[in-house]
Amino acid sequence: MANVAIEHAQETMKKSEAALERNLAGIRAGRANAGLLAHISVDYYGAPTPLPQIAAITIPEPRVLQVNPYDKSALKDIETAILTSDLGINPMNDGTVIRLVVPQLTTETRRDLAKEVGKHSEEAKIAIRNIRRDAIEDLKKQQKAGDITEDDLHRLEKEAQKVTDGATKRIDEIAADKEKEIMEG
């Protein structure tokens, strides 16, 4: 019964890690990455639609993204969505595909992006700590209700801390990988 709280915490922490990876995929690192376009929504026949659902995104060169719409009539809408996004890259429309050339990053921009990665990773760590706190509160409620003993409570609190430490370590690894990609890109 008590282990359910730990398992739930572990699952929720994994979701936090995945959310961090998705957030970091949107940070451009000086090279083409399809994740840069994942958050862009296109007004497609009156409905906001994620760009990857209406176009194939390829990387023909290390710093070039190519957007090839499944429906050529959506080309102009895709171009508009990219222009109005916070991407900061001007699309080149040749009538059949859109190309985006990812600019080289300056040293200052790299530092700013690395700080942004740090901010995202700290937010993820806060989420992890909140999950641990909730799990421990749940365990204490179970102990008060007589579902687990005080010894079980202490053992499970240690297990919750071990799960938290593992998740925090993975958050640090994810952030370090992204920072390395930014600084080398």
C-alpha atoms as a PDB file:
ATOM      1  CA  MET A   1       0.000   0.000   0.000  1.00  0.00           C
ATOM      2  CA  ALA A   2       2.653   2.509   1.065  1.00  0.00           C
ATOM      3  CA  ASN A   3       4.845   1.722  -1.895  1.00  0.00           C
ATOM      4  CA  VAL A   4       2.122   3.138  -4.154  1.00  0.00           C
ATOM      5  CA  ALA A   5       3.143   6.633  -3.004  1.00  0.00           C
ATOM      6  CA  ILE A   6       6.771   5.967  -3.985  1.00  0.00           C
ATOM      7  CA  GLU A   7       5.777   4.439  -7.349  1.00  0.00           C
ATOM      8  CA  HIS A   8       3.500   7.390  -8.090  1.00  0.00           C
ATOM      9  CA  ALA A   9       6.311   9.805  -7.185  1.00  0.00           C
ATOM     10  CA  GLN A  10       8.715   7.916  -9.446  1.00  0.00           C
ATOM     11  CA  GLU A  11       6.300   8.036 -12.414  1.00  0.00           C
ATOM     12  CA  THR A  12       5.637  11.738 -11.886  1.00  0.00           C
ATOM     13  CA  MET A  13       9.373  12.472 -11.661  1.00  0.00           C
ATOM     14  CA  LYS A  14       9.917  10.664 -14.985  1.00  0.00           C
ATOM     15  CA  LYS A  15       7.250  12.923 -16.511  1.00  0.00           C
ATOM     16  CA  SER A  16       9.136  15.968 -15.175  1.00  0.00           C
ATOM     17  CA  GLU A  17      12.328  14.695 -16.814  1.00  0.00           C
ATOM     18  CA  ALA A  18      10.494  14.208 -20.126  1.00  0.00           C
ATOM     19  CA  ALA A  19       9.012  17.713 -19.858  1.00  0.00           C
ATOM     20  CA  LEU A  20      12.511  19.146 -19.335  1.00  0.00           C
ATOM     21  CA  GLU A  21      13.770  17.305 -22.424  1.00  0.00           C
ATOM     22  CA  ARG A  22      10.864  18.714 -24.474  1.00  0.00           C
ATOM     23  CA  ASN A  23      11.542  22.245 -23.186  1.00  0.00           C
ATOM     24  CA  LEU A  24      15.251  21.983 -23.966  1.00  0.00           C
ATOM     25  CA  ALA A  25      14.577  20.621 -27.470  1.00  0.00           C
ATOM     26  CA  GLY A  26      13.067  24.008 -28.306  1.00  0.00           C
ATOM     27  CA  ILE A  27      16.292  25.843 -27.481  1.00  0.00           C
ATOM     28  CA  ARG A  28      18.356  26.229 -30.614  1.00  0.00           C
ATOM     29  CA  ALA A  29      21.972  25.291 -30.283  1.00  0.00           C
ATOM     30  CA  GLY A  30      23.399  26.610 -33.543  1.00  0.00           C
ATOM     31  CA  ARG A  31      22.517  23.488 -35.485  1.00  0.00           C
ATOM     32  CA  ALA A  32      19.323  22.278 -37.077  1.00  0.00           C
ATOM     33  CA  ASN A  33      16.982  20.342 -34.800  1.00  0.00           C
ATOM     34  CA  ALA A  34      13.403  19.410 -35.703  1.00  0.00           C
ATOM     35  CA  GLY A  35      12.424  20.055 -32.070  1.00  0.00           C
ATOM     36  CA  LEU A  36      12.766  23.777 -32.798  1.00  0.00           C
ATOM     37  CA  LEU A  37       9.551  23.626 -34.824  1.00  0.00           C
ATOM     38  CA  ALA A  38       7.575  21.267 -32.569  1.00  0.00           C
ATOM     39  CA  HIS A  39       5.908  24.070 -30.594  1.00  0.00           C
ATOM     40  CA  ILE A  40       4.847  26.075 -33.666  1.00  0.00           C
ATOM     41  CA  SER A  41       1.111  26.012 -34.310  1.00  0.00           C
ATOM     42  CA  VAL A  42      -0.228  26.648 -37.815  1.00  0.00           C
ATOM     43  CA  ASP A  43      -3.722  27.949 -38.583  1.00  0.00           C
ATOM     44  CA  TYR A  44      -4.717  25.069 -40.861  1.00  0.00           C
ATOM     45  CA  TYR A  45      -8.268  25.308 -42.211  1.00  0.00           C
ATOM     46  CA  GLY A  46      -9.263  27.409 -39.205  1.00  0.00           C
ATOM     47  CA  ALA A  47      -7.861  25.032 -36.584  1.00  0.00           C
ATOM     48  CA  PRO A  48      -4.534  25.529 -34.759  1.00  0.00           C
ATOM     49  CA  THR A  49      -2.455  22.505 -35.755  1.00  0.00           C
ATOM     50  CA  PRO A  50       1.099  21.590 -34.640  1.00  0.00           C
ATOM     51  CA  LEU A  51       3.504  22.063 -37.561  1.00  0.00           C
ATOM     52  CA  PRO A  52       4.894  18.485 -37.411  1.00  0.00           C
ATOM     53  CA  GLN A  53       1.363  17.160 -38.103  1.00  0.00           C
ATOM     54  CA  ILE A  54       0.996  18.978 -41.429  1.00  0.00           C
ATOM     55  CA  ALA A  55       4.542  18.900 -42.786  1.00  0.00           C
ATOM     56  CA  ALA A  56       7.607  16.689 -42.986  1.00  0.00           C
ATOM     57  CA  ILE A  57      10.576  18.328 -41.261  1.00  0.00           C
ATOM     58  CA  THR A  58      13.981  17.245 -42.532  1.00  0.00           C
ATOM     59  CA  ILE A  59      17.572  18.341 -42.002  1.00  0.00           C
ATOM     60  CA  PRO A  60      19.328  18.311 -45.400  1.00  0.00           C
ATOM     61  CA  GLU A  61      22.421  20.088 -43.970  1.00  0.00           C
ATOM     62  CA  PRO A  62      23.698  20.512 -40.397  1.00  0.00           C
ATOM     63  CA  ARG A  63      22.342  24.069 -40.075  1.00  0.00           C
ATOM     64  CA  VAL A  64      19.302  23.856 -42.382  1.00  0.00           C
ATOM     65  CA  LEU A  65      15.761  22.770 -41.546  1.00  0.00           C
ATOM     66  CA  GLN A  66      13.473  21.966 -44.454  1.00  0.00           C
ATOM     67  CA  VAL A  67       9.689  22.025 -44.044  1.00  0.00           C
ATOM     68  CA  ASN A  68       7.824  20.096 -46.726  1.00  0.00           C
ATOM     69  CA  PRO A  69       4.021  20.469 -46.296  1.00  0.00           C
ATOM     70  CA  TYR A  70       1.863  17.427 -47.019  1.00  0.00           C
ATOM     71  CA  ASP A  71      -0.697  19.869 -48.446  1.00  0.00           C
ATOM     72  CA  LYS A  72       1.048  22.494 -50.643  1.00  0.00           C
ATOM     73  CA  SER A  73      -1.850  24.945 -50.092  1.00  0.00           C
ATOM     74  CA  ALA A  74      -0.717  25.244 -46.458  1.00  0.00           C
ATOM     75  CA  LEU A  75       2.725  26.608 -47.436  1.00  0.00           C
ATOM     76  CA  LYS A  76       1.793  30.270 -46.887  1.00  0.00           C
ATOM     77  CA  ASP A  77       0.105  29.502 -43.523  1.00  0.00           C
ATOM     78  CA  ILE A  78       3.214  27.606 -42.373  1.00  0.00           C
ATOM     79  CA  GLU A  79       5.463  30.480 -43.418  1.00  0.00           C
ATOM     80  CA  THR A  80       3.259  32.955 -41.503  1.00  0.00           C
ATOM     81  CA  ALA A  81       3.288  30.747 -38.391  1.00  0.00           C
ATOM     82  CA  ILE A  82       7.105  30.552 -38.459  1.00  0.00           C
ATOM     83  CA  LEU A  83       7.420  34.321 -38.956  1.00  0.00           C
ATOM     84  CA  THR A  84       5.084  35.102 -36.043  1.00  0.00           C
ATOM     85  CA  SER A  85       6.710  32.530 -33.726  1.00  0.00           C
ATOM     86  CA  ASP A  86       9.504  33.349 -31.273  1.00  0.00           C
ATOM     87  CA  LEU A  87      11.957  31.270 -33.337  1.00  0.00           C
ATOM     88  CA  GLY A  88      13.823  34.295 -34.719  1.00  0.00           C
ATOM     89  CA  ILE A  89      14.692  32.657 -38.044  1.00  0.00           C
ATOM     90  CA  ASN A  90      13.368  34.005 -41.344  1.00  0.00           C
ATOM     91  CA  PRO A  91      11.880  31.278 -43.533  1.00  0.00           C
ATOM     92  CA  MET A  92      12.814  31.018 -47.219  1.00  0.00           C
ATOM     93  CA  ASN A  93       9.837  29.883 -49.284  1.00  0.00           C
ATOM     94  CA  ASP A  94      10.632  28.563 -52.778  1.00  0.00           C
ATOM     95  CA  GLY A  95       7.015  27.679 -53.593  1.00  0.00           C
ATOM     96  CA  THR A  96       7.283  23.991 -52.675  1.00  0.00           C
ATOM     97  CA  VAL A  97       9.276  23.862 -49.426  1.00  0.00           C
ATOM     98  CA  ILE A  98      10.370  26.245 -46.697  1.00  0.00           C
ATOM     99  CA  ARG A  99      14.014  26.345 -45.643  1.00  0.00           C
ATOM    100  CA  LEU A 100      15.253  27.731 -42.357  1.00  0.00           C
ATOM    101  CA  VAL A 101      18.961  28.428 -41.946  1.00  0.00           C
ATOM    102  CA  VAL A 102      19.901  28.242 -38.269  1.00  0.00           C
ATOM    103  CA  PRO A 103      22.415  31.046 -37.642  1.00  0.00           C
ATOM    104  CA  GLN A 104      25.729  30.465 -35.911  1.00  0.00           C
ATOM    105  CA  LEU A 105      25.549  31.487 -32.269  1.00  0.00           C
ATOM    106  CA  THR A 106      27.772  34.167 -30.782  1.00  0.00           C
ATOM    107  CA  THR A 107      29.617  33.445 -27.543  1.00  0.00           C
ATOM    108  CA  GLU A 108      27.267  35.794 -25.697  1.00  0.00           C
ATOM    109  CA  THR A 109      24.185  34.078 -27.123  1.00  0.00           C
ATOM    110  CA  ARG A 110      25.618  30.688 -26.144  1.00  0.00           C
ATOM    111  CA  ARG A 111      26.062  31.909 -22.553  1.00  0.00           C
ATOM    112  CA  ASP A 112      22.491  33.256 -22.477  1.00  0.00           C
ATOM    113  CA  LEU A 113      21.129  29.965 -23.796  1.00  0.00           C
ATOM    114  CA  ALA A 114      23.166  28.022 -21.233  1.00  0.00           C
ATOM    115  CA  LYS A 115      21.613  30.212 -18.502  1.00  0.00           C
ATOM    116  CA  GLU A 116      18.174  29.429 -19.920  1.00  0.00           C
ATOM    117  CA  VAL A 117      18.992  25.701 -19.742  1.00  0.00           C
ATOM    118  CA  GLY A 118      20.006  26.203 -16.117  1.00  0.00           C
ATOM    119  CA  LYS A 119      16.723  27.966 -15.383  1.00  0.00           C
ATOM    120  CA  HIS A 120      14.699  25.124 -16.946  1.00  0.00           C
ATOM    121  CA  SER A 121      16.683  22.491 -15.045  1.00  0.00           C
ATOM    122  CA  GLU A 122      16.178  24.336 -11.750  1.00  0.00           C
ATOM    123  CA  GLU A 123      12.417  24.466 -12.407  1.00  0.00           C
ATOM    124  CA  ALA A 124      12.475  20.708 -13.029  1.00  0.00           C
ATOM    125  CA  LYS A 125      14.384  20.131  -9.768  1.00  0.00           C
ATOM    126  CA  ILE A 126      11.805  22.201  -7.868  1.00  0.00           C
ATOM    127  CA  ALA A 127       9.058  20.037  -9.390  1.00  0.00           C
ATOM    128  CA  ILE A 128      10.975  16.901  -8.311  1.00  0.00           C
ATOM    129  CA  ARG A 129      11.313  18.205  -4.727  1.00  0.00           C
ATOM    130  CA  ASN A 130       7.593  19.031  -4.630  1.00  0.00           C
ATOM    131  CA  ILE A 131       6.786  15.496  -5.768  1.00  0.00           C
ATOM    132  CA  ARG A 132       8.987  14.099  -2.976  1.00  0.00           C
ATOM    133  CA  ARG A 133       7.264  16.358  -0.421  1.00  0.00           C
ATOM    134  CA  ASP A 134       3.831  15.157  -1.577  1.00  0.00           C
ATOM    135  CA  ALA A 135       4.933  11.503  -1.398  1.00  0.00           C
ATOM    136  CA  ILE A 136       6.260  11.945   2.145  1.00  0.00           C
ATOM    137  CA  GLU A 137       3.043  13.687   3.219  1.00  0.00           C
ATOM    138  CA  ASP A 138       1.102  10.758   1.769  1.00  0.00           C
ATOM    139  CA  LEU A 139       3.301   8.293   3.686  1.00  0.00           C
ATOM    140  CA  LYS A 140       2.759  10.223   6.930  1.00  0.00           C
ATOM    141  CA  LYS A 141      -1.012  10.112   6.386  1.00  0.00           C
ATOM    142  CA  GLN A 142      -0.768   6.348   5.853  1.00  0.00           C
ATOM    143  CA  GLN A 143       1.219   5.990   9.078  1.00  0.00           C
ATOM    144  CA  LYS A 144      -1.335   8.081  11.009  1.00  0.00           C
ATOM    145  CA  ALA A 145      -4.148   5.945   9.586  1.00  0.00           C
ATOM    146  CA  GLY A 146      -2.345   2.834  10.808  1.00  0.00           C
ATOM    147  CA  ASP A 147      -1.702   1.475   7.306  1.00  0.00           C
ATOM    148  CA  ILE A 148       2.078   1.429   7.866  1.00  0.00           C
ATOM    149  CA  THR A 149       4.314   1.341  10.953  1.00  0.00           C
ATOM    150  CA  GLU A 150       6.698   4.073  12.019  1.00  0.00           C
ATOM    151  CA  ASP A 151       9.620   1.873  10.923  1.00  0.00           C
ATOM    152  CA  ASP A 152       7.970   1.487   7.481  1.00  0.00           C
ATOM    153  CA  LEU A 153       7.552   5.273   7.341  1.00  0.00           C
ATOM    154  CA  HIS A 154      11.273   5.890   7.956  1.00  0.00           C
ATOM    155  CA  ARG A 155      12.294   3.203   5.458  1.00  0.00           C
ATOM    156  CA  LEU A 156       9.936   4.586   2.809  1.00  0.00           C
ATOM    157  CA  GLU A 157      11.051   8.184   3.442  1.00  0.00           C
ATOM    158  CA  LYS A 158      14.614   7.043   2.721  1.00  0.00           C
ATOM    159  CA  GLU A 159      13.386   5.301  -0.434  1.00  0.00           C
ATOM    160  CA  ALA A 160      11.595   8.496  -1.512  1.00  0.00           C
ATOM    161  CA  GLN A 161      14.852  10.408  -1.016  1.00  0.00           C
ATOM    162  CA  LYS A 162      16.762   7.821  -3.060  1.00  0.00           C
ATOM    163  CA  VAL A 163      14.225   8.149  -5.921  1.00  0.00           C
ATOM    164  CA  THR A 164      14.497  11.949  -5.677  1.00  0.00           C
ATOM    165  CA  ASP A 165      18.300  11.844  -5.783  1.00  0.00           C
ATOM    166  CA  GLY A 166      18.194   9.658  -8.906  1.00  0.00           C
ATOM    167  CA  ALA A 167      15.740  11.983 -10.662  1.00  0.00           C
ATOM    168  CA  THR A 168      17.800  15.054  -9.715  1.00  0.00           C
ATOM    169  CA  LYS A 169      20.933  13.370 -11.090  1.00  0.00           C
ATOM    170  CA  ARG A 170      19.136  12.646 -14.396  1.00  0.00           C
ATOM    171  CA  ILE A 171      17.939  16.287 -14.567  1.00  0.00           C
ATOM    172  CA  ASP A 172      21.570  17.426 -14.130  1.00  0.00           C
ATOM    173  CA  GLU A 173      22.725  15.026 -16.881  1.00  0.00           C
ATOM    174  CA  ILE A 174      20.026  16.224 -19.307  1.00  0.00           C
ATOM    175  CA  ALA A 175      20.952  19.875 -18.627  1.00  0.00           C
ATOM    176  CA  ALA A 176      24.699  19.186 -18.918  1.00  0.00           C
ATOM    177  CA  ASP A 177      24.190  17.460 -22.292  1.00  0.00           C
ATOM    178  CA  LYS A 178      22.197  20.422 -23.617  1.00  0.00           C
ATOM    179  CA  GLU A 179      24.725  22.965 -22.301  1.00  0.00           C
ATOM    180  CA  LYS A 180      27.520  20.996 -23.964  1.00  0.00           C
ATOM    181  CA  GLU A 181      25.542  20.959 -27.242  1.00  0.00           C
ATOM    182  CA  ILE A 182      25.054  24.740 -27.014  1.00  0.00           C
ATOM    183  CA  MET A 183      28.664  25.543 -26.201  1.00  0.00           C
ATOM    184  CA  GLU A 184      30.040  23.236 -28.951  1.00  0.00           C
ATOM    185  CA  GLY A 185      27.313  23.940 -31.561  1.00  0.00           C
END
